[in-house]
Amino acid sequence: MQKVSSSLWFLALSCCIWISQLSTGCANIVPPQGGPRDTIPPQLIKALPADSSTRVSSRTIQLYFDEYIEIQQGQDNLVISPLPATAPVIESKLRDLTIKLKDSLLPNTTYSIDFGGTVKDFTEGNIAKGLRYVFSTGTYLDSLELYGTVQLAETGRIDSTLIVILHKDSTDSALIKSRPYYLSKLDKNGRFRFRNLPPDRFFIYALKDEGGTRRLSKNSQLMAFADQPVYPQLQKDSLELLAFAAEKETVPLPEPTVNRATTKPDADRRIRYQTTLSNDQQDILQPLQLLFESPLRTWSDSAIRLFSDSIYTLVDSVAISIDTNQKTIRVQPIWLEGTRYHLIITKGAFSDSSGKSLLKTDTLHFTTKRKSDYGKVKLRLRGLDLQRQPVLQWTQNEKLIRQVVLNKTEFADDLFMPGDYQLRILYDTNGNGRWDTGQFFTTRRQPERVNTIDKKISIKPGWTNEYEIDVTDR
């Protein structure tokens, strides 16, 4: 009996050890490691009808890929040419993509479908870039091309959100009322390309496609046009379009929120303004400006007086003016460097269109900068065509700071505001010293061209800053 008990005890112990080892082994199982990350986009392996087919009559296109796919922003990314009146239906399931065209197919016409970023794989999101499908309802495929670039005329920059369109209608109203025949999107370098075009006459435009209408809807909308119609069978050179807005976009200022329960009555009637002073210092190269929220209805230059030094000496020969929109008053004397000034604005000096006015006399105290706060600049400009009436523009963060008409290939200034600048060259067609926009309707006037220079310069105070610049570097 004792031997049996001992045997049972040993068997139980062995079972416990075996179960323990089995349990421990399960806890330490390491799942197999995956291979390298999939970076290959979906590959098209079959299409019905086949790519580049002719005599096609089916309005259903089926594409089969080598892996599971999904579509993103199908209607925004996918471009069908010629452009359909009704958007197609785009469906995907597993590895298959189906496009159902809703319009009747035009006879003897080559169609192309540019997918852009529409198709990507399901697991890693790799986009099938450059995916394109072509077919013809006729007996052959059209193969002509048009290509070129679009840049913003005023800045020389690229706006890749613009589209380029082709119309067959020669009337100006087609850009407002009609759907274009063909469309191309810009790449990041501002380039466009039309492929599989027929031997026809087209009118080419670029647009900021606001609302997806592919039409020009307002004068503040960016657009570009070519002076002459284009013929794909004859066009061998790259086209260049300069985009502009005929009018500036007007953005209404938001009305200030006023809590009538806590705001004093006088605060509602007090006119508010800002100045161009920086840390209570005035740039001796610029006027002092008073900036108002609303256009002024009345103002008096005799109510604005400038004094200097500690004994308030009246400054003579001060030019005081207001800009055309009645919202900026400029005070321009001959500034003395490092001098203390006091601008006294008498009560009632101005009022705005809402009835607000200056309820009490204001005094602004400030000091002008010293000449040592500025830097000297010497530029030698290579490749400059003086026959094109160039204007040198200085910009910071795309804001125009200063512009100078050039009559020689050198520029020098002993007093220049320090900072980092980007340079541009305006080719001033009419010689008025500033950039002029274009006009499509009636005059068909192209905008003046501005080219950026691919070099930033830094102006240091108390230093002679010399640069040699090739203006053709873009």
Protein backbone atom coordinates (compact mmCIF):
# COMPACT_ATOMS: atom_id res chain seq x y z
CA MET A 1 0.00 0.00 0.00
CA GLN A 2 2.85 2.34 0.79
CA LYS A 3 4.50 1.56 -2.56
CA VAL A 4 1.25 2.35 -4.40
CA SER A 5 0.93 5.66 -2.55
CA SER A 6 4.53 6.54 -3.34
CA SER A 7 3.96 5.70 -7.01
CA LEU A 8 0.82 7.83 -7.15
CA TRP A 9 2.62 10.71 -5.46
CA PHE A 10 5.51 10.47 -7.96
CA LEU A 11 3.09 10.32 -10.89
CA ALA A 12 1.21 13.38 -9.62
CA LEU A 13 4.46 15.28 -9.16
CA SER A 14 5.58 14.37 -12.68
CA CYS A 15 2.26 15.54 -14.12
CA CYS A 16 2.57 18.86 -12.29
CA ILE A 17 6.07 19.41 -13.63
CA TRP A 18 4.96 18.50 -17.16
CA ILE A 19 1.96 20.84 -17.00
CA SER A 20 4.16 23.62 -15.57
CA GLN A 21 6.66 23.24 -18.39
CA LEU A 22 3.87 23.18 -20.93
CA SER A 23 2.32 26.34 -19.44
CA THR A 24 5.66 28.13 -19.31
CA GLY A 25 6.42 27.18 -22.87
CA CYS A 26 3.10 28.63 -24.07
CA ALA A 27 3.73 31.90 -22.24
CA ASN A 28 7.08 32.36 -23.99
CA ILE A 29 5.90 31.72 -27.53
CA VAL A 30 7.15 34.61 -29.77
CA PRO A 31 5.04 35.36 -32.82
CA PRO A 32 6.91 35.25 -36.12
CA GLN A 33 8.36 38.61 -37.13
CA GLY A 34 7.03 40.23 -40.34
CA GLY A 35 9.20 41.04 -43.31
CA PRO A 36 10.12 44.52 -44.55
CA ARG A 37 7.34 47.10 -44.85
CA ASP A 38 5.41 46.98 -48.11
CA THR A 39 6.31 50.09 -50.14
CA ILE A 40 5.10 48.91 -53.55
CA PRO A 41 1.83 50.50 -54.73
CA PRO A 42 -0.95 48.44 -56.33
CA GLN A 43 -0.15 47.20 -59.82
CA LEU A 44 -2.78 47.06 -62.56
CA ILE A 45 -2.84 43.53 -63.96
CA LYS A 46 -5.94 43.62 -66.18
CA ALA A 47 -8.48 46.06 -67.61
CA LEU A 48 -11.80 45.56 -69.40
CA PRO A 49 -11.86 46.99 -72.02
CA ALA A 50 -8.10 46.68 -72.33
CA ASP A 51 -5.99 49.82 -71.96
CA SER A 52 -5.51 51.68 -75.29
CA SER A 53 -8.45 49.86 -76.88
CA THR A 54 -10.23 51.32 -79.91
CA ARG A 55 -13.87 51.05 -81.07
CA VAL A 56 -14.97 51.04 -77.43
CA SER A 57 -18.72 51.40 -76.79
CA SER A 58 -18.99 50.22 -73.18
CA ARG A 59 -19.41 52.90 -70.51
CA THR A 60 -18.30 50.51 -67.76
CA ILE A 61 -14.59 50.12 -67.13
CA GLN A 62 -13.24 47.42 -64.83
CA LEU A 63 -9.70 47.45 -63.47
CA TYR A 64 -8.09 44.56 -61.59
CA PHE A 65 -5.09 44.98 -59.27
CA ASP A 66 -2.61 42.61 -57.66
CA GLU A 67 -3.66 43.47 -54.07
CA TYR A 68 -6.54 44.84 -52.05
CA ILE A 69 -7.21 48.51 -52.79
CA GLU A 70 -9.24 51.45 -51.58
CA ILE A 71 -10.10 54.72 -53.27
CA GLN A 72 -9.73 58.20 -51.78
CA GLN A 73 -11.44 61.40 -52.90
CA GLY A 74 -12.35 59.76 -56.17
CA GLN A 75 -14.27 62.66 -57.69
CA ASP A 76 -11.55 65.17 -56.70
CA ASN A 77 -8.50 63.17 -57.73
CA LEU A 78 -9.72 61.44 -60.85
CA VAL A 79 -9.75 63.48 -64.10
CA ILE A 80 -11.61 62.22 -67.17
CA SER A 81 -10.93 63.86 -70.53
CA PRO A 82 -12.97 65.04 -72.32
CA LEU A 83 -14.68 66.26 -69.16
CA PRO A 84 -18.08 64.62 -68.57
CA ALA A 85 -21.21 66.63 -67.82
CA THR A 86 -22.20 64.11 -65.15
CA ALA A 87 -19.69 62.75 -62.65
CA PRO A 88 -18.97 59.02 -63.05
CA VAL A 89 -19.72 56.40 -60.41
CA ILE A 90 -16.54 54.97 -58.87
CA GLU A 91 -16.72 51.72 -56.89
CA SER A 92 -14.09 49.43 -55.40
CA LYS A 93 -14.29 45.92 -53.95
CA LEU A 94 -11.27 43.96 -52.76
CA ARG A 95 -8.84 44.08 -55.72
CA ASP A 96 -11.30 45.48 -58.27
CA LEU A 97 -12.17 49.02 -59.33
CA THR A 98 -15.21 49.85 -61.47
CA ILE A 99 -15.91 53.15 -63.21
CA LYS A 100 -19.36 53.73 -64.68
CA LEU A 101 -19.55 56.66 -67.10
CA LYS A 102 -22.95 58.35 -67.02
CA ASP A 103 -22.59 60.43 -70.22
CA SER A 104 -22.99 59.02 -73.71
CA LEU A 105 -19.64 58.49 -75.38
CA LEU A 106 -18.71 60.90 -78.18
CA PRO A 107 -17.95 59.27 -81.55
CA ASN A 108 -14.36 59.08 -82.82
CA THR A 109 -13.02 60.46 -79.55
CA THR A 110 -10.03 59.49 -77.43
CA TYR A 111 -10.80 59.34 -73.71
CA SER A 112 -8.23 59.32 -70.92
CA ILE A 113 -8.59 58.77 -67.19
CA ASP A 114 -5.87 60.16 -64.92
CA PHE A 115 -6.26 58.66 -61.46
CA GLY A 116 -3.96 61.03 -59.55
CA GLY A 117 -3.98 59.80 -55.95
CA THR A 118 -7.29 57.93 -56.24
CA VAL A 119 -6.01 54.34 -55.86
CA LYS A 120 -3.94 53.12 -52.91
CA ASP A 121 -3.33 49.75 -51.30
CA PHE A 122 -5.52 48.80 -48.38
CA THR A 123 -2.85 47.90 -45.84
CA GLU A 124 -0.01 50.45 -46.19
CA GLY A 125 -1.71 53.24 -48.14
CA ASN A 126 0.83 53.22 -51.01
CA ILE A 127 -0.62 55.38 -53.81
CA ALA A 128 -0.57 54.11 -57.39
CA LYS A 129 0.99 57.27 -58.84
CA GLY A 130 0.95 57.86 -62.57
CA LEU A 131 -1.93 55.45 -63.11
CA ARG A 132 -3.62 56.29 -66.42
CA TYR A 133 -6.12 54.55 -68.68
CA VAL A 134 -6.86 55.42 -72.33
CA PHE A 135 -9.42 54.23 -74.88
CA SER A 136 -11.02 55.47 -78.09
CA THR A 137 -14.50 55.22 -79.53
CA GLY A 138 -12.92 55.55 -82.98
CA THR A 139 -10.42 53.50 -84.94
CA TYR A 140 -7.28 55.14 -83.52
CA LEU A 141 -5.91 56.91 -80.44
CA ASP A 142 -5.18 60.65 -80.57
CA SER A 143 -1.60 61.27 -79.44
CA LEU A 144 -0.95 65.01 -79.55
CA GLU A 145 0.24 66.94 -76.48
CA LEU A 146 0.35 70.42 -74.94
CA TYR A 147 2.56 71.26 -71.98
CA GLY A 148 3.86 74.27 -70.12
CA THR A 149 4.01 76.14 -66.81
CA VAL A 150 1.89 78.56 -64.76
CA GLN A 151 3.28 81.08 -62.30
CA LEU A 152 1.76 83.92 -60.30
CA ALA A 153 2.50 87.13 -62.18
CA GLU A 154 2.73 89.39 -59.11
CA THR A 155 5.19 87.27 -57.11
CA GLY A 156 6.77 84.81 -59.54
CA ARG A 157 5.70 82.01 -57.20
CA ILE A 158 3.86 78.74 -57.92
CA ASP A 159 0.33 77.93 -56.81
CA SER A 160 -0.13 74.22 -57.49
CA THR A 161 -3.85 74.39 -56.66
CA LEU A 162 -4.55 76.09 -60.02
CA ILE A 163 -5.93 74.03 -62.89
CA VAL A 164 -5.38 74.46 -66.63
CA ILE A 165 -8.34 74.03 -68.98
CA LEU A 166 -8.94 73.88 -72.72
CA HIS A 167 -12.02 75.34 -74.43
CA LYS A 168 -13.09 75.04 -78.06
CA ASP A 169 -15.40 78.05 -77.85
CA SER A 170 -13.54 81.27 -78.75
CA THR A 171 -15.93 83.66 -76.99
CA ASP A 172 -14.89 85.23 -73.69
CA SER A 173 -18.17 84.20 -72.08
CA ALA A 174 -17.25 80.51 -72.48
CA LEU A 175 -14.95 80.89 -69.48
CA ILE A 176 -17.98 81.88 -67.39
CA LYS A 177 -20.79 79.76 -68.84
CA SER A 178 -19.34 76.62 -70.43
CA ARG A 179 -17.71 73.44 -69.23
CA PRO A 180 -14.17 73.02 -70.63
CA TYR A 181 -13.26 70.05 -72.79
CA TYR A 182 -9.97 69.12 -71.13
CA LEU A 183 -8.37 69.70 -67.74
CA SER A 184 -4.87 69.30 -66.33
CA LYS A 185 -3.61 69.81 -62.79
CA LEU A 186 -0.32 71.48 -61.89
CA ASP A 187 2.52 69.63 -60.23
CA LYS A 188 4.54 71.19 -57.40
CA ASN A 189 6.73 73.02 -59.94
CA GLY A 190 3.77 74.61 -61.71
CA ARG A 191 3.95 72.32 -64.74
CA PHE A 192 0.97 70.98 -66.68
CA ARG A 193 0.61 68.43 -69.48
CA PHE A 194 -2.25 67.47 -71.78
CA ARG A 195 -1.96 64.11 -73.57
CA ASN A 196 -3.99 62.27 -76.23
CA LEU A 197 -5.34 65.47 -77.74
CA PRO A 198 -6.94 65.62 -81.21
CA PRO A 199 -5.64 67.94 -83.99
CA ASP A 200 -7.99 70.78 -83.09
CA ARG A 201 -7.93 74.46 -82.10
CA PHE A 202 -8.11 75.22 -78.37
CA PHE A 203 -8.20 78.24 -76.07
CA ILE A 204 -6.13 77.67 -72.96
CA TYR A 205 -6.68 79.15 -69.48
CA ALA A 206 -5.57 78.61 -65.90
CA LEU A 207 -7.98 79.02 -62.99
CA LYS A 208 -8.22 78.93 -59.23
CA ASP A 209 -11.02 76.37 -59.26
CA GLU A 210 -13.20 77.75 -56.49
CA GLY A 211 -16.12 75.46 -55.73
CA GLY A 212 -15.11 72.90 -58.35
CA THR A 213 -17.08 74.61 -61.12
CA ARG A 214 -14.10 74.94 -63.50
CA ARG A 215 -15.42 78.38 -64.42
CA LEU A 216 -14.46 82.02 -63.81
CA SER A 217 -16.97 83.40 -61.32
CA LYS A 218 -15.54 86.71 -60.02
CA ASN A 219 -12.89 89.31 -60.79
CA SER A 220 -10.88 88.47 -57.66
CA GLN A 221 -10.38 84.88 -58.85
CA LEU A 222 -6.89 83.93 -60.05
CA MET A 223 -6.80 83.22 -63.78
CA ALA A 224 -4.45 83.21 -66.76
CA PHE A 225 -4.93 83.16 -70.52
CA ALA A 226 -2.91 82.82 -73.70
CA ASP A 227 -3.00 85.65 -76.23
CA GLN A 228 -3.65 83.31 -79.14
CA PRO A 229 -5.40 79.95 -79.66
CA VAL A 230 -3.18 76.88 -79.44
CA TYR A 231 -2.92 74.01 -81.91
CA PRO A 232 -1.47 70.76 -80.51
CA GLN A 233 -0.32 69.65 -83.97
CA LEU A 234 1.72 72.85 -84.37
CA GLN A 235 2.80 73.67 -80.80
CA LYS A 236 6.36 72.54 -80.22
CA ASP A 237 7.48 74.86 -77.39
CA SER A 238 6.45 74.93 -73.75
CA LEU A 239 3.57 77.31 -73.01
CA GLU A 240 3.88 79.85 -70.21
CA LEU A 241 0.86 81.37 -68.47
CA LEU A 242 0.91 84.26 -65.97
CA ALA A 243 -1.87 84.07 -63.38
CA PHE A 244 -3.41 87.19 -61.87
CA ALA A 245 -6.54 88.48 -60.18
CA ALA A 246 -8.13 91.46 -61.95
CA GLU A 247 -9.28 92.82 -58.59
CA LYS A 248 -8.15 92.38 -55.01
CA GLU A 249 -10.33 90.30 -52.72
CA THR A 250 -12.13 92.58 -50.29
CA VAL A 251 -12.45 91.07 -46.83
CA PRO A 252 -14.92 92.91 -44.59
CA LEU A 253 -13.66 93.61 -41.10
CA PRO A 254 -15.60 91.78 -38.37
CA GLU A 255 -17.75 93.98 -36.20
CA PRO A 256 -16.38 94.19 -32.64
CA THR A 257 -18.46 92.40 -30.03
CA VAL A 258 -19.65 94.89 -27.42
CA ASN A 259 -21.19 93.99 -24.10
CA ARG A 260 -23.63 96.85 -23.58
CA ALA A 261 -24.16 95.90 -19.94
CA THR A 262 -20.53 96.44 -18.93
CA THR A 263 -19.19 98.88 -21.54
CA LYS A 264 -19.25 102.58 -20.80
CA PRO A 265 -21.17 104.73 -23.32
CA ASP A 266 -18.04 106.72 -24.22
CA ALA A 267 -16.18 103.54 -25.23
CA ASP A 268 -18.77 102.91 -27.97
CA ARG A 269 -18.19 106.38 -29.46
CA ARG A 270 -14.39 106.48 -29.20
CA ILE A 271 -12.51 106.00 -32.45
CA ARG A 272 -9.64 103.51 -32.34
CA TYR A 273 -6.45 103.44 -34.38
CA GLN A 274 -3.03 101.84 -34.47
CA THR A 275 0.38 103.21 -35.45
CA THR A 276 3.39 101.89 -37.32
CA LEU A 277 5.71 102.60 -34.39
CA SER A 278 7.80 99.63 -33.25
CA ASN A 279 8.79 99.63 -29.58
CA ASP A 280 8.14 103.39 -29.50
CA GLN A 281 10.71 103.87 -32.28
CA GLN A 282 10.18 105.50 -35.68
CA ASP A 283 11.93 104.47 -38.90
CA ILE A 284 13.57 107.64 -40.27
CA LEU A 285 13.08 106.33 -43.83
CA GLN A 286 9.28 106.03 -43.57
CA PRO A 287 6.31 108.19 -42.57
CA LEU A 288 4.52 107.64 -39.28
CA GLN A 289 1.13 106.11 -40.09
CA LEU A 290 -2.15 106.10 -38.18
CA LEU A 291 -4.26 103.08 -39.17
CA PHE A 292 -8.04 103.14 -38.64
CA GLU A 293 -10.58 100.29 -38.53
CA SER A 294 -13.18 102.14 -40.62
CA PRO A 295 -12.94 104.83 -43.32
CA LEU A 296 -12.75 108.36 -41.95
CA ARG A 297 -15.63 110.70 -42.70
CA THR A 298 -13.89 113.86 -41.49
CA TRP A 299 -10.33 114.72 -40.49
CA SER A 300 -8.24 117.85 -40.00
CA ASP A 301 -4.52 118.10 -40.65
CA SER A 302 -4.37 121.26 -38.51
CA ALA A 303 -5.43 119.18 -35.50
CA ILE A 304 -2.32 116.97 -35.86
CA ARG A 305 0.92 118.65 -34.71
CA LEU A 306 4.46 117.31 -34.32
CA PHE A 307 6.92 118.53 -31.68
CA SER A 308 10.53 117.57 -30.95
CA ASP A 309 12.90 117.45 -27.94
CA SER A 310 12.01 117.94 -24.31
CA ILE A 311 10.76 121.52 -24.70
CA TYR A 312 8.25 120.62 -27.40
CA THR A 313 9.65 122.57 -30.33
CA LEU A 314 7.08 122.70 -33.16
CA VAL A 315 8.31 120.86 -36.25
CA ASP A 316 7.75 122.83 -39.46
CA SER A 317 7.23 121.40 -42.95
CA VAL A 318 5.31 118.28 -41.97
CA ALA A 319 3.38 116.64 -44.83
CA ILE A 320 0.12 115.12 -43.56
CA SER A 321 -2.03 113.12 -46.00
CA ILE A 322 -4.68 110.39 -46.15
CA ASP A 323 -4.78 107.41 -48.51
CA THR A 324 -7.50 106.76 -51.06
CA ASN A 325 -9.46 104.33 -48.88
CA GLN A 326 -9.65 106.96 -46.10
CA LYS A 327 -8.23 104.56 -43.50
CA THR A 328 -4.55 105.61 -43.20
CA ILE A 329 -3.16 109.02 -42.24
CA ARG A 330 0.54 109.58 -42.99
CA VAL A 331 2.75 112.04 -41.09
CA GLN A 332 6.00 112.75 -42.98
CA PRO A 333 8.55 115.32 -41.76
CA ILE A 334 12.29 115.21 -42.39
CA TRP A 335 13.16 112.98 -39.44
CA LEU A 336 16.26 113.68 -37.38
CA GLU A 337 18.07 110.60 -36.13
CA GLY A 338 17.98 109.68 -32.45
CA THR A 339 15.53 112.47 -31.63
CA ARG A 340 12.62 112.51 -29.21
CA TYR A 341 9.29 113.46 -30.84
CA HIS A 342 5.75 114.09 -29.61
CA LEU A 343 2.71 113.84 -31.87
CA ILE A 344 -0.29 115.67 -30.42
CA ILE A 345 -3.71 114.88 -31.91
CA THR A 346 -6.36 117.32 -30.75
CA LYS A 347 -9.79 116.17 -29.55
CA GLY A 348 -12.20 115.83 -32.49
CA ALA A 349 -9.36 115.62 -35.06
CA PHE A 350 -11.22 112.92 -36.99
CA SER A 351 -14.41 110.88 -37.06
CA ASP A 352 -15.37 107.78 -39.01
CA SER A 353 -18.42 106.71 -41.01
CA SER A 354 -20.02 105.05 -37.96
CA GLY A 355 -19.99 108.30 -35.98
CA LYS A 356 -17.04 107.49 -33.73
CA SER A 357 -14.58 110.31 -33.05
CA LEU A 358 -11.55 111.23 -30.95
CA LEU A 359 -13.12 112.06 -27.58
CA LYS A 360 -9.97 113.47 -25.97
CA THR A 361 -6.56 114.74 -27.03
CA ASP A 362 -3.97 112.01 -27.65
CA THR A 363 -0.18 112.39 -27.36
CA LEU A 364 2.26 109.88 -28.87
CA HIS A 365 5.84 109.93 -27.52
CA PHE A 366 8.55 108.19 -29.54
CA THR A 367 12.20 108.33 -30.60
CA THR A 368 13.63 108.01 -34.09
CA LYS A 369 16.22 105.40 -34.96
CA ARG A 370 19.90 106.31 -35.36
CA LYS A 371 21.80 105.92 -38.62
CA SER A 372 23.95 103.28 -36.93
CA ASP A 373 20.78 101.15 -36.63
CA TYR A 374 20.81 100.73 -40.43
CA GLY A 375 23.08 98.86 -42.79
CA LYS A 376 24.79 99.84 -46.04
CA VAL A 377 23.89 97.85 -49.17
CA LYS A 378 25.78 97.36 -52.42
CA LEU A 379 24.37 95.03 -55.08
CA ARG A 380 25.83 94.11 -58.46
CA LEU A 381 23.15 92.58 -60.67
CA ARG A 382 24.27 90.26 -63.46
CA GLY A 383 21.97 89.33 -66.35
CA LEU A 384 19.75 92.39 -65.91
CA ASP A 385 17.97 93.60 -69.07
CA LEU A 386 17.63 97.37 -68.62
CA GLN A 387 15.55 97.63 -71.81
CA ARG A 388 12.68 95.92 -69.98
CA GLN A 389 12.48 98.69 -67.35
CA PRO A 390 13.32 96.51 -64.31
CA VAL A 391 12.21 97.35 -60.78
CA LEU A 392 14.05 95.77 -57.84
CA GLN A 393 11.63 94.55 -55.17
CA TRP A 394 12.56 93.69 -51.58
CA THR A 395 10.18 91.32 -49.79
CA GLN A 396 9.84 89.66 -46.39
CA ASN A 397 7.46 86.70 -45.97
CA GLU A 398 5.94 87.52 -49.39
CA LYS A 399 5.18 91.09 -48.26
CA LEU A 400 6.58 93.87 -50.44
CA ILE A 401 8.81 96.08 -48.27
CA ARG A 402 10.47 98.32 -50.83
CA GLN A 403 10.88 98.70 -54.58
CA VAL A 404 13.41 100.70 -56.60
CA VAL A 405 13.41 101.54 -60.31
CA LEU A 406 16.75 100.44 -61.81
CA ASN A 407 18.54 102.36 -64.56
CA LYS A 408 21.87 100.59 -64.10
CA THR A 409 23.09 97.16 -63.07
CA GLU A 410 24.15 98.31 -59.59
CA PHE A 411 22.19 99.34 -56.52
CA ALA A 412 23.58 101.12 -53.44
CA ASP A 413 22.01 102.59 -50.31
CA ASP A 414 23.74 103.85 -47.19
CA LEU A 415 20.64 103.53 -45.00
CA PHE A 416 18.77 100.25 -45.29
CA MET A 417 16.57 98.59 -42.70
CA PRO A 418 18.33 95.44 -41.35
CA GLY A 419 16.72 92.06 -41.89
CA ASP A 420 16.49 89.03 -44.19
CA TYR A 421 15.09 89.73 -47.66
CA GLN A 422 14.00 87.87 -50.76
CA LEU A 423 14.59 89.78 -54.00
CA ARG A 424 12.34 89.97 -57.06
CA ILE A 425 12.59 91.72 -60.43
CA LEU A 426 9.47 93.40 -61.83
CA TYR A 427 9.54 94.08 -65.57
CA ASP A 428 7.59 97.32 -65.63
CA THR A 429 5.92 97.40 -69.04
CA ASN A 430 4.24 100.79 -68.65
CA GLY A 431 7.05 102.37 -66.62
CA ASN A 432 4.93 103.53 -63.67
CA GLY A 433 7.23 101.94 -61.07
CA ARG A 434 4.76 99.37 -59.72
CA TRP A 435 3.20 96.04 -60.67
CA ASP A 436 0.01 96.19 -62.74
CA THR A 437 -2.47 93.36 -62.97
CA GLY A 438 -3.95 92.01 -66.18
CA GLN A 439 -7.41 92.29 -67.69
CA PHE A 440 -9.02 89.47 -69.65
CA PHE A 441 -12.36 90.88 -70.72
CA THR A 442 -12.44 93.75 -73.26
CA THR A 443 -8.73 94.66 -73.29
CA ARG A 444 -7.11 91.20 -72.98
CA ARG A 445 -4.10 92.78 -71.30
CA GLN A 446 -1.50 90.47 -69.79
CA PRO A 447 -0.21 91.25 -66.27
CA GLU A 448 3.30 92.51 -65.77
CA ARG A 449 5.84 89.82 -64.98
CA VAL A 450 7.71 89.45 -61.71
CA ASN A 451 10.58 86.98 -61.38
CA THR A 452 11.91 85.80 -58.04
CA ILE A 453 15.67 85.54 -57.52
CA ASP A 454 16.81 82.29 -55.98
CA LYS A 455 18.92 83.91 -53.30
CA LYS A 456 18.10 85.44 -49.93
CA ILE A 457 20.22 88.25 -48.57
CA SER A 458 20.74 89.40 -45.01
CA ILE A 459 21.30 93.08 -44.16
CA LYS A 460 23.22 93.64 -40.92
CA PRO A 461 23.21 96.97 -39.04
CA GLY A 462 26.40 99.04 -38.96
CA TRP A 463 27.85 96.95 -41.77
CA THR A 464 28.52 97.30 -45.51
CA ASN A 465 26.55 94.42 -47.03
CA GLU A 466 27.84 93.59 -50.54
CA TYR A 467 26.32 90.99 -52.87
CA GLU A 468 26.76 89.95 -56.50
CA ILE A 469 23.50 88.46 -57.78
CA ASP A 470 22.53 86.74 -61.02
CA VAL A 471 18.94 87.84 -61.66
CA THR A 472 18.37 84.84 -63.92
CA ASP A 473 18.69 82.44 -60.94
CA ARG A 474 15.12 81.25 -60.35
